Amino acid sequence: MKLYMKYFAMHLKSQMQYKISFFLTLLAQFLIAFTEMLAIYFMFSRFNSIENFTFEQSLLCYAVVQMAFSLSQAFVRGFDTFPGMLGNGEFDRALVRPRNTIFQILALKMDFTRLGRLAQAVVIMCYALPNSGVIWTGDKVFTLVLMVVSGGFIFSGLLIVYAAFSFFTIEGLEFMNILTDGGATFGKYPFSIYGKEILVFLTFVVPLALFQYYPLLYLLEREQSLLFMFTPLMGLLFLIPCFVFYRFGLRRYKSTGS
């Protein structure tokens, strides 16, 4: 952890060398994210509710997903840029260093401008929390924290899978953006609105619904079982196959010769 914090400080210091550029990019991330929120607004200006979910309840979904996604983009960005690390031979150097390769990829890149999107999601959540119809108690606050934290880990797991594919293809596979960026975009509404088949896929294959949809039902008291409260923790099991796939690819890695 001490070494990670040194990398953290190093990346922050390097990005702050050009403060005006950094803060303008941060502001751009903050403002651009509102265009997605406007899409939700225009949708609900046409329809009063979607699948019995109100505008404010959808905003709560949106805020949770955007917070989780922005955290993964800020601190697990190294896996998103991993194909370049393979192509330029930098990963070969990582293999001979006395540190775990996953740690080295994590420390490779941190993008603090992505926190602008996080700030926007916090603003939206501050509006949604008192207007979503949720009666906030200690267990529901705990559920909300689980949703954000586990969501960040699940998106991070998808980035690890994206990086692991690069062991076989050298270049990253763009279809993974359907699950990462696309998952964040589709997550602005409760996942149930996309149909039963999509909900099943997002439950048992890519468990985005486990941190967004099912705990939302618990918050809204549409489901009383504590199982729905702890589905975000169940979603963390997704990290196991992600790491297994990464290790599988690592064992079959051959140098690019760069």
C-alpha atoms as a PDB file:
ATOM      1  CA  MET A   1       0.000   0.000   0.000  1.00  0.00           C
ATOM      2  CA  LYS A   2       2.866   2.372   0.760  1.00  0.00           C
ATOM      3  CA  LEU A   3       4.314   1.840  -2.708  1.00  0.00           C
ATOM      4  CA  TYR A   4       0.881   2.301  -4.295  1.00  0.00           C
ATOM      5  CA  MET A   5       0.472   5.633  -2.515  1.00  0.00           C
ATOM      6  CA  LYS A   6       3.840   6.708  -3.892  1.00  0.00           C
ATOM      7  CA  TYR A   7       2.598   5.950  -7.396  1.00  0.00           C
ATOM      8  CA  PHE A   8      -0.636   7.768  -6.547  1.00  0.00           C
ATOM      9  CA  ALA A   9       1.273  10.875  -5.515  1.00  0.00           C
ATOM     10  CA  MET A  10       3.533  10.631  -8.566  1.00  0.00           C
ATOM     11  CA  HIS A  11       0.628  10.458 -11.027  1.00  0.00           C
ATOM     12  CA  LEU A  12      -1.217  13.276  -9.284  1.00  0.00           C
ATOM     13  CA  LYS A  13       1.866  15.484  -9.294  1.00  0.00           C
ATOM     14  CA  SER A  14       2.572  14.781 -12.971  1.00  0.00           C
ATOM     15  CA  GLN A  15      -1.001  15.570 -14.037  1.00  0.00           C
ATOM     16  CA  MET A  16      -0.971  18.751 -11.988  1.00  0.00           C
ATOM     17  CA  GLN A  17       2.084  20.070 -13.822  1.00  0.00           C
ATOM     18  CA  TYR A  18      -0.310  21.730 -16.258  1.00  0.00           C
ATOM     19  CA  LYS A  19      -2.978  22.853 -13.828  1.00  0.00           C
ATOM     20  CA  ILE A  20      -5.133  24.804 -16.267  1.00  0.00           C
ATOM     21  CA  SER A  21      -5.287  21.870 -18.684  1.00  0.00           C
ATOM     22  CA  PHE A  22      -6.016  19.471 -15.827  1.00  0.00           C
ATOM     23  CA  PHE A  23      -8.894  21.500 -14.381  1.00  0.00           C
ATOM     24  CA  LEU A  24     -10.376  22.268 -17.806  1.00  0.00           C
ATOM     25  CA  THR A  25     -10.390  18.550 -18.609  1.00  0.00           C
ATOM     26  CA  LEU A  26     -11.894  17.858 -15.190  1.00  0.00           C
ATOM     27  CA  LEU A  27     -14.592  20.452 -15.869  1.00  0.00           C
ATOM     28  CA  ALA A  28     -15.247  18.986 -19.314  1.00  0.00           C
ATOM     29  CA  GLN A  29     -15.750  15.547 -17.800  1.00  0.00           C
ATOM     30  CA  PHE A  30     -18.149  17.097 -15.287  1.00  0.00           C
ATOM     31  CA  LEU A  31     -20.221  18.970 -17.895  1.00  0.00           C
ATOM     32  CA  ILE A  32     -20.261  16.335 -20.647  1.00  0.00           C
ATOM     33  CA  ALA A  33     -21.714  13.808 -18.231  1.00  0.00           C
ATOM     34  CA  PHE A  34     -24.811  16.013 -17.878  1.00  0.00           C
ATOM     35  CA  THR A  35     -25.764  15.247 -21.489  1.00  0.00           C
ATOM     36  CA  GLU A  36     -26.585  11.696 -20.421  1.00  0.00           C
ATOM     37  CA  MET A  37     -28.647  13.016 -17.544  1.00  0.00           C
ATOM     38  CA  LEU A  38     -30.555  15.231 -20.007  1.00  0.00           C
ATOM     39  CA  ALA A  39     -31.395  12.135 -22.040  1.00  0.00           C
ATOM     40  CA  ILE A  40     -33.063  10.688 -18.939  1.00  0.00           C
ATOM     41  CA  TYR A  41     -34.925  13.953 -18.373  1.00  0.00           C
ATOM     42  CA  PHE A  42     -36.274  14.094 -21.926  1.00  0.00           C
ATOM     43  CA  MET A  43     -37.330  10.452 -21.729  1.00  0.00           C
ATOM     44  CA  PHE A  44     -39.344  11.056 -18.562  1.00  0.00           C
ATOM     45  CA  SER A  45     -40.796  14.303 -19.919  1.00  0.00           C
ATOM     46  CA  ARG A  46     -42.484  12.041 -22.477  1.00  0.00           C
ATOM     47  CA  PHE A  47     -43.332   9.176 -20.114  1.00  0.00           C
ATOM     48  CA  ASN A  48     -44.210   9.586 -16.439  1.00  0.00           C
ATOM     49  CA  SER A  49     -42.567   6.303 -15.483  1.00  0.00           C
ATOM     50  CA  ILE A  50     -40.749   3.369 -17.068  1.00  0.00           C
ATOM     51  CA  GLU A  51     -41.496  -0.089 -15.667  1.00  0.00           C
ATOM     52  CA  ASN A  52     -42.952   1.696 -12.610  1.00  0.00           C
ATOM     53  CA  PHE A  53     -39.651   3.499 -11.961  1.00  0.00           C
ATOM     54  CA  THR A  54     -39.813   7.272 -11.618  1.00  0.00           C
ATOM     55  CA  PHE A  55     -37.412   9.891 -12.939  1.00  0.00           C
ATOM     56  CA  GLU A  56     -35.700  10.300  -9.568  1.00  0.00           C
ATOM     57  CA  GLN A  57     -35.325   6.534  -9.123  1.00  0.00           C
ATOM     58  CA  SER A  58     -33.666   6.285 -12.527  1.00  0.00           C
ATOM     59  CA  LEU A  59     -31.378   9.136 -11.527  1.00  0.00           C
ATOM     60  CA  LEU A  60     -30.394   7.107  -8.476  1.00  0.00           C
ATOM     61  CA  CYS A  61     -29.484   4.197 -10.790  1.00  0.00           C
ATOM     62  CA  TYR A  62     -27.573   6.576 -13.029  1.00  0.00           C
ATOM     63  CA  ALA A  63     -25.621   8.106 -10.149  1.00  0.00           C
ATOM     64  CA  VAL A  64     -24.636   4.728  -8.685  1.00  0.00           C
ATOM     65  CA  VAL A  65     -23.442   3.347 -12.037  1.00  0.00           C
ATOM     66  CA  GLN A  66     -21.566   6.530 -12.960  1.00  0.00           C
ATOM     67  CA  MET A  67     -19.816   6.679  -9.589  1.00  0.00           C
ATOM     68  CA  ALA A  68     -18.745   3.042  -9.909  1.00  0.00           C
ATOM     69  CA  PHE A  69     -17.625   3.464 -13.518  1.00  0.00           C
ATOM     70  CA  SER A  70     -15.682   6.668 -12.897  1.00  0.00           C
ATOM     71  CA  LEU A  71     -13.814   5.115  -9.962  1.00  0.00           C
ATOM     72  CA  SER A  72     -12.715   2.188 -12.109  1.00  0.00           C
ATOM     73  CA  GLN A  73     -11.729   4.524 -14.946  1.00  0.00           C
ATOM     74  CA  ALA A  74      -9.699   6.702 -12.603  1.00  0.00           C
ATOM     75  CA  PHE A  75      -7.802   4.036 -10.665  1.00  0.00           C
ATOM     76  CA  VAL A  76      -7.833   0.927 -12.878  1.00  0.00           C
ATOM     77  CA  ARG A  77      -7.044   2.790 -16.077  1.00  0.00           C
ATOM     78  CA  GLY A  78      -3.841   0.808 -16.544  1.00  0.00           C
ATOM     79  CA  PHE A  79      -5.816  -2.244 -17.674  1.00  0.00           C
ATOM     80  CA  ASP A  80      -7.656  -0.109 -20.225  1.00  0.00           C
ATOM     81  CA  THR A  81      -4.319   0.907 -21.787  1.00  0.00           C
ATOM     82  CA  PHE A  82      -2.721  -2.523 -21.342  1.00  0.00           C
ATOM     83  CA  PRO A  83      -2.562  -3.412 -25.084  1.00  0.00           C
ATOM     84  CA  GLY A  84      -0.132  -0.532 -25.580  1.00  0.00           C
ATOM     85  CA  MET A  85       1.975  -1.886 -22.732  1.00  0.00           C
ATOM     86  CA  LEU A  86       2.219  -5.195 -24.565  1.00  0.00           C
ATOM     87  CA  GLY A  87       2.983  -3.631 -27.921  1.00  0.00           C
ATOM     88  CA  ASN A  88       5.854  -1.419 -26.784  1.00  0.00           C
ATOM     89  CA  GLY A  89       7.534  -4.150 -24.757  1.00  0.00           C
ATOM     90  CA  GLU A  90       6.958  -2.490 -21.382  1.00  0.00           C
ATOM     91  CA  PHE A  91       5.195  -5.586 -20.074  1.00  0.00           C
ATOM     92  CA  ASP A  92       8.384  -7.607 -20.664  1.00  0.00           C
ATOM     93  CA  ARG A  93      10.146  -5.330 -18.212  1.00  0.00           C
ATOM     94  CA  ALA A  94       7.283  -5.737 -15.747  1.00  0.00           C
ATOM     95  CA  LEU A  95       7.776  -9.505 -15.782  1.00  0.00           C
ATOM     96  CA  VAL A  96      11.338  -9.255 -14.477  1.00  0.00           C
ATOM     97  CA  ARG A  97      10.520  -6.823 -11.678  1.00  0.00           C
ATOM     98  CA  PRO A  98       9.999  -8.177  -8.150  1.00  0.00           C
ATOM     99  CA  ARG A  99       6.370  -7.040  -8.033  1.00  0.00           C
ATOM    100  CA  ASN A 100       3.090  -8.623  -9.028  1.00  0.00           C
ATOM    101  CA  THR A 101       2.188  -7.726 -12.623  1.00  0.00           C
ATOM    102  CA  ILE A 102      -1.362  -6.785 -11.635  1.00  0.00           C
ATOM    103  CA  PHE A 103       0.008  -4.223  -9.191  1.00  0.00           C
ATOM    104  CA  GLN A 104       2.332  -2.844 -11.854  1.00  0.00           C
ATOM    105  CA  ILE A 105      -0.523  -2.470 -14.362  1.00  0.00           C
ATOM    106  CA  LEU A 106      -2.656  -0.731 -11.729  1.00  0.00           C
ATOM    107  CA  ALA A 107       0.198   1.654 -10.947  1.00  0.00           C
ATOM    108  CA  LEU A 108       0.934   2.286 -14.627  1.00  0.00           C
ATOM    109  CA  LYS A 109      -1.794   4.851 -15.151  1.00  0.00           C
ATOM    110  CA  MET A 110      -4.254   6.805 -13.038  1.00  0.00           C
ATOM    111  CA  ASP A 111      -6.537   9.358 -14.657  1.00  0.00           C
ATOM    112  CA  PHE A 112      -7.694  11.876 -12.073  1.00  0.00           C
ATOM    113  CA  THR A 113      -9.645  13.895 -14.642  1.00  0.00           C
ATOM    114  CA  ARG A 114     -12.213  11.081 -14.547  1.00  0.00           C
ATOM    115  CA  LEU A 115     -13.122  12.337 -11.081  1.00  0.00           C
ATOM    116  CA  GLY A 116     -15.031  15.097 -12.863  1.00  0.00           C
ATOM    117  CA  ARG A 117     -17.587  12.474 -13.879  1.00  0.00           C
ATOM    118  CA  LEU A 118     -17.582  11.234 -10.274  1.00  0.00           C
ATOM    119  CA  ALA A 119     -18.346  14.751  -9.036  1.00  0.00           C
ATOM    120  CA  GLN A 120     -21.246  15.012 -11.480  1.00  0.00           C
ATOM    121  CA  ALA A 121     -22.637  11.697 -10.237  1.00  0.00           C
ATOM    122  CA  VAL A 122     -22.385  12.921  -6.636  1.00  0.00           C
ATOM    123  CA  VAL A 123     -24.403  16.049  -7.553  1.00  0.00           C
ATOM    124  CA  ILE A 124     -27.079  13.908  -9.220  1.00  0.00           C
ATOM    125  CA  MET A 125     -27.193  11.574  -6.231  1.00  0.00           C
ATOM    126  CA  CYS A 126     -27.633  14.478  -3.834  1.00  0.00           C
ATOM    127  CA  TYR A 127     -30.754  15.388  -5.791  1.00  0.00           C
ATOM    128  CA  ALA A 128     -32.027  11.827  -6.167  1.00  0.00           C
ATOM    129  CA  LEU A 129     -31.580  10.689  -2.556  1.00  0.00           C
ATOM    130  CA  PRO A 130     -34.357  12.790  -0.967  1.00  0.00           C
ATOM    131  CA  ASN A 131     -36.664  12.560  -4.008  1.00  0.00           C
ATOM    132  CA  SER A 132     -36.468   8.877  -4.950  1.00  0.00           C
ATOM    133  CA  GLY A 133     -39.097   7.753  -2.469  1.00  0.00           C
ATOM    134  CA  VAL A 134     -36.611   5.720  -0.443  1.00  0.00           C
ATOM    135  CA  ILE A 135     -37.039   5.829   3.326  1.00  0.00           C
ATOM    136  CA  TRP A 136     -33.394   5.975   4.324  1.00  0.00           C
ATOM    137  CA  THR A 137     -32.370   3.813   7.238  1.00  0.00           C
ATOM    138  CA  GLY A 138     -28.979   2.486   8.295  1.00  0.00           C
ATOM    139  CA  ASP A 139     -29.302  -0.734   6.320  1.00  0.00           C
ATOM    140  CA  LYS A 140     -30.291   1.144   3.164  1.00  0.00           C
ATOM    141  CA  VAL A 141     -27.377   3.550   3.455  1.00  0.00           C
ATOM    142  CA  PHE A 142     -25.117   0.525   3.832  1.00  0.00           C
ATOM    143  CA  THR A 143     -26.740  -1.030   0.736  1.00  0.00           C
ATOM    144  CA  LEU A 144     -26.102   2.141  -1.261  1.00  0.00           C
ATOM    145  CA  VAL A 145     -22.419   2.113  -0.289  1.00  0.00           C
ATOM    146  CA  LEU A 146     -22.193  -1.561  -1.285  1.00  0.00           C
ATOM    147  CA  MET A 147     -23.739  -0.728  -4.662  1.00  0.00           C
ATOM    148  CA  VAL A 148     -21.107   1.903  -5.475  1.00  0.00           C
ATOM    149  CA  VAL A 149     -18.086   0.006  -4.133  1.00  0.00           C
ATOM    150  CA  SER A 150     -18.962  -3.370  -5.639  1.00  0.00           C
ATOM    151  CA  GLY A 151     -19.893  -1.679  -8.909  1.00  0.00           C
ATOM    152  CA  GLY A 152     -16.420  -0.178  -9.075  1.00  0.00           C
ATOM    153  CA  PHE A 153     -14.892  -3.632  -8.589  1.00  0.00           C
ATOM    154  CA  ILE A 154     -17.138  -5.234 -11.221  1.00  0.00           C
ATOM    155  CA  PHE A 155     -16.239  -2.615 -13.821  1.00  0.00           C
ATOM    156  CA  SER A 156     -12.604  -3.140 -12.849  1.00  0.00           C
ATOM    157  CA  GLY A 157     -13.062  -6.872 -13.429  1.00  0.00           C
ATOM    158  CA  LEU A 158     -14.312  -6.139 -16.951  1.00  0.00           C
ATOM    159  CA  LEU A 159     -11.183  -4.071 -17.598  1.00  0.00           C
ATOM    160  CA  ILE A 160      -9.050  -6.989 -16.399  1.00  0.00           C
ATOM    161  CA  VAL A 161     -10.850  -9.278 -18.876  1.00  0.00           C
ATOM    162  CA  TYR A 162     -10.248  -6.681 -21.605  1.00  0.00           C
ATOM    163  CA  ALA A 163      -6.539  -6.694 -20.758  1.00  0.00           C
ATOM    164  CA  ALA A 164      -6.408 -10.496 -20.598  1.00  0.00           C
ATOM    165  CA  PHE A 165      -7.769 -10.803 -24.142  1.00  0.00           C
ATOM    166  CA  SER A 166      -4.734  -8.805 -25.268  1.00  0.00           C
ATOM    167  CA  PHE A 167      -2.476 -11.732 -24.412  1.00  0.00           C
ATOM    168  CA  PHE A 168      -4.043 -13.571 -27.343  1.00  0.00           C
ATOM    169  CA  THR A 169      -4.794 -10.703 -29.743  1.00  0.00           C
ATOM    170  CA  ILE A 170      -2.046  -8.127 -28.872  1.00  0.00           C
ATOM    171  CA  GLU A 171      -4.562  -5.396 -29.672  1.00  0.00           C
ATOM    172  CA  GLY A 172      -7.521  -4.814 -27.387  1.00  0.00           C
ATOM    173  CA  LEU A 173     -10.937  -6.109 -28.445  1.00  0.00           C
ATOM    174  CA  GLU A 174     -13.307  -3.203 -28.948  1.00  0.00           C
ATOM    175  CA  PHE A 175     -16.379  -5.338 -28.301  1.00  0.00           C
ATOM    176  CA  MET A 176     -15.498  -5.134 -24.600  1.00  0.00           C
ATOM    177  CA  ASN A 177     -16.554  -1.477 -24.730  1.00  0.00           C
ATOM    178  CA  ILE A 178     -20.113  -2.758 -25.058  1.00  0.00           C
ATOM    179  CA  LEU A 179     -19.795  -4.088 -21.512  1.00  0.00           C
ATOM    180  CA  THR A 180     -17.734  -1.259 -19.972  1.00  0.00           C
ATOM    181  CA  ASP A 181     -18.777   2.047 -21.541  1.00  0.00           C
ATOM    182  CA  GLY A 182     -21.987   0.468 -22.800  1.00  0.00           C
ATOM    183  CA  GLY A 183     -22.789  -0.936 -19.377  1.00  0.00           C
ATOM    184  CA  ALA A 184     -22.337   2.512 -17.853  1.00  0.00           C
ATOM    185  CA  THR A 185     -24.596   4.048 -20.516  1.00  0.00           C
ATOM    186  CA  PHE A 186     -27.357   1.435 -20.265  1.00  0.00           C
ATOM    187  CA  GLY A 187     -27.116   1.612 -16.478  1.00  0.00           C
ATOM    188  CA  LYS A 188     -28.812   5.006 -16.402  1.00  0.00           C
ATOM    189  CA  TYR A 189     -32.085   3.053 -16.315  1.00  0.00           C
ATOM    190  CA  PRO A 190     -32.935  -0.015 -14.212  1.00  0.00           C
ATOM    191  CA  PHE A 191     -31.709  -3.004 -16.198  1.00  0.00           C
ATOM    192  CA  SER A 192     -35.105  -4.705 -16.120  1.00  0.00           C
ATOM    193  CA  ILE A 193     -36.457  -2.334 -18.778  1.00  0.00           C
ATOM    194  CA  TYR A 194     -34.288  -4.004 -21.441  1.00  0.00           C
ATOM    195  CA  GLY A 195     -36.106  -7.315 -21.186  1.00  0.00           C
ATOM    196  CA  LYS A 196     -35.819 -10.608 -19.341  1.00  0.00           C
ATOM    197  CA  GLU A 197     -33.016 -12.030 -21.523  1.00  0.00           C
ATOM    198  CA  ILE A 198     -30.785  -8.996 -20.998  1.00  0.00           C
ATOM    199  CA  LEU A 199     -31.501  -9.023 -17.265  1.00  0.00           C
ATOM    200  CA  VAL A 200     -30.519 -12.706 -17.056  1.00  0.00           C
ATOM    201  CA  PHE A 201     -27.290 -11.980 -18.948  1.00  0.00           C
ATOM    202  CA  LEU A 202     -26.495  -9.051 -16.642  1.00  0.00           C
ATOM    203  CA  THR A 203     -27.179 -11.251 -13.618  1.00  0.00           C
ATOM    204  CA  PHE A 204     -25.373 -14.514 -14.352  1.00  0.00           C
ATOM    205  CA  VAL A 205     -22.755 -13.624 -17.000  1.00  0.00           C
ATOM    206  CA  VAL A 206     -21.737 -10.003 -16.484  1.00  0.00           C
ATOM    207  CA  PRO A 207     -23.247  -9.191 -13.072  1.00  0.00           C
ATOM    208  CA  LEU A 208     -23.940  -5.488 -13.525  1.00  0.00           C
ATOM    209  CA  ALA A 209     -27.523  -6.004 -12.339  1.00  0.00           C
ATOM    210  CA  LEU A 210     -26.276  -7.418  -9.041  1.00  0.00           C
ATOM    211  CA  PHE A 211     -25.040  -3.998  -7.945  1.00  0.00           C
ATOM    212  CA  GLN A 212     -27.637  -1.856  -9.731  1.00  0.00           C
ATOM    213  CA  TYR A 213     -31.058  -3.465 -10.181  1.00  0.00           C
ATOM    214  CA  TYR A 214     -31.572  -5.968  -7.358  1.00  0.00           C
ATOM    215  CA  PRO A 215     -30.365  -3.771  -4.470  1.00  0.00           C
ATOM    216  CA  LEU A 216     -32.500  -0.968  -5.923  1.00  0.00           C
ATOM    217  CA  LEU A 217     -35.550  -3.191  -5.388  1.00  0.00           C
ATOM    218  CA  TYR A 218     -34.502  -3.522  -1.746  1.00  0.00           C
ATOM    219  CA  LEU A 219     -34.070   0.238  -1.370  1.00  0.00           C
ATOM    220  CA  LEU A 220     -37.543   0.834  -2.809  1.00  0.00           C
ATOM    221  CA  GLU A 221     -38.971  -1.919  -0.552  1.00  0.00           C
ATOM    222  CA  ARG A 222     -40.242  -3.870  -3.541  1.00  0.00           C
ATOM    223  CA  GLU A 223     -38.273  -6.797  -2.160  1.00  0.00           C
ATOM    224  CA  GLN A 224     -37.895  -7.411   1.556  1.00  0.00           C
ATOM    225  CA  SER A 225     -35.369 -10.252   1.506  1.00  0.00           C
ATOM    226  CA  LEU A 226     -31.891  -9.452   2.791  1.00  0.00           C
ATOM    227  CA  LEU A 227     -30.604 -11.419  -0.201  1.00  0.00           C
ATOM    228  CA  PHE A 228     -31.351  -8.385  -2.362  1.00  0.00           C
ATOM    229  CA  MET A 229     -29.415  -6.207   0.045  1.00  0.00           C
ATOM    230  CA  PHE A 230     -26.291  -8.315  -0.308  1.00  0.00           C
ATOM    231  CA  THR A 231     -26.398  -8.998  -4.065  1.00  0.00           C
ATOM    232  CA  PRO A 232     -23.606  -6.419  -4.585  1.00  0.00           C
ATOM    233  CA  LEU A 233     -21.317  -8.627  -2.498  1.00  0.00           C
ATOM    234  CA  MET A 234     -22.345 -11.629  -4.587  1.00  0.00           C
ATOM    235  CA  GLY A 235     -21.290  -9.652  -7.646  1.00  0.00           C
ATOM    236  CA  LEU A 236     -17.744  -9.508  -6.298  1.00  0.00           C
ATOM    237  CA  LEU A 237     -17.442 -13.233  -7.070  1.00  0.00           C
ATOM    238  CA  PHE A 238     -17.157 -12.091 -10.692  1.00  0.00           C
ATOM    239  CA  LEU A 239     -13.577 -11.044  -9.922  1.00  0.00           C
ATOM    240  CA  ILE A 240     -12.545 -14.695  -9.481  1.00  0.00           C
ATOM    241  CA  PRO A 241     -13.038 -15.733 -13.148  1.00  0.00           C
ATOM    242  CA  CYS A 242     -11.585 -12.369 -14.224  1.00  0.00           C
ATOM    243  CA  PHE A 243      -8.314 -13.057 -12.395  1.00  0.00           C
ATOM    244  CA  VAL A 244      -8.323 -16.703 -13.511  1.00  0.00           C
ATOM    245  CA  PHE A 245      -8.649 -15.609 -17.147  1.00  0.00           C
ATOM    246  CA  TYR A 246      -5.852 -13.079 -16.662  1.00  0.00           C
ATOM    247  CA  ARG A 247      -3.563 -15.759 -15.191  1.00  0.00           C
ATOM    248  CA  PHE A 248      -4.516 -18.111 -18.032  1.00  0.00           C
ATOM    249  CA  GLY A 249      -3.487 -15.479 -20.590  1.00  0.00           C
ATOM    250  CA  LEU A 250      -0.309 -14.621 -18.685  1.00  0.00           C
ATOM    251  CA  ARG A 251       0.878 -18.242 -18.771  1.00  0.00           C
ATOM    252  CA  ARG A 252       0.489 -18.229 -22.547  1.00  0.00           C
ATOM    253  CA  TYR A 253       2.067 -14.835 -23.141  1.00  0.00           C
ATOM    254  CA  LYS A 254       4.869 -14.607 -25.681  1.00  0.00           C
ATOM    255  CA  SER A 255       6.982 -11.501 -26.038  1.00  0.00           C
ATOM    256  CA  THR A 256       6.259  -9.219 -28.974  1.00  0.00           C
ATOM    257  CA  GLY A 257      10.007  -8.824 -29.438  1.00  0.00           C
ATOM    258  CA  SER A 258       9.832  -5.025 -29.095  1.00  0.00           C
END
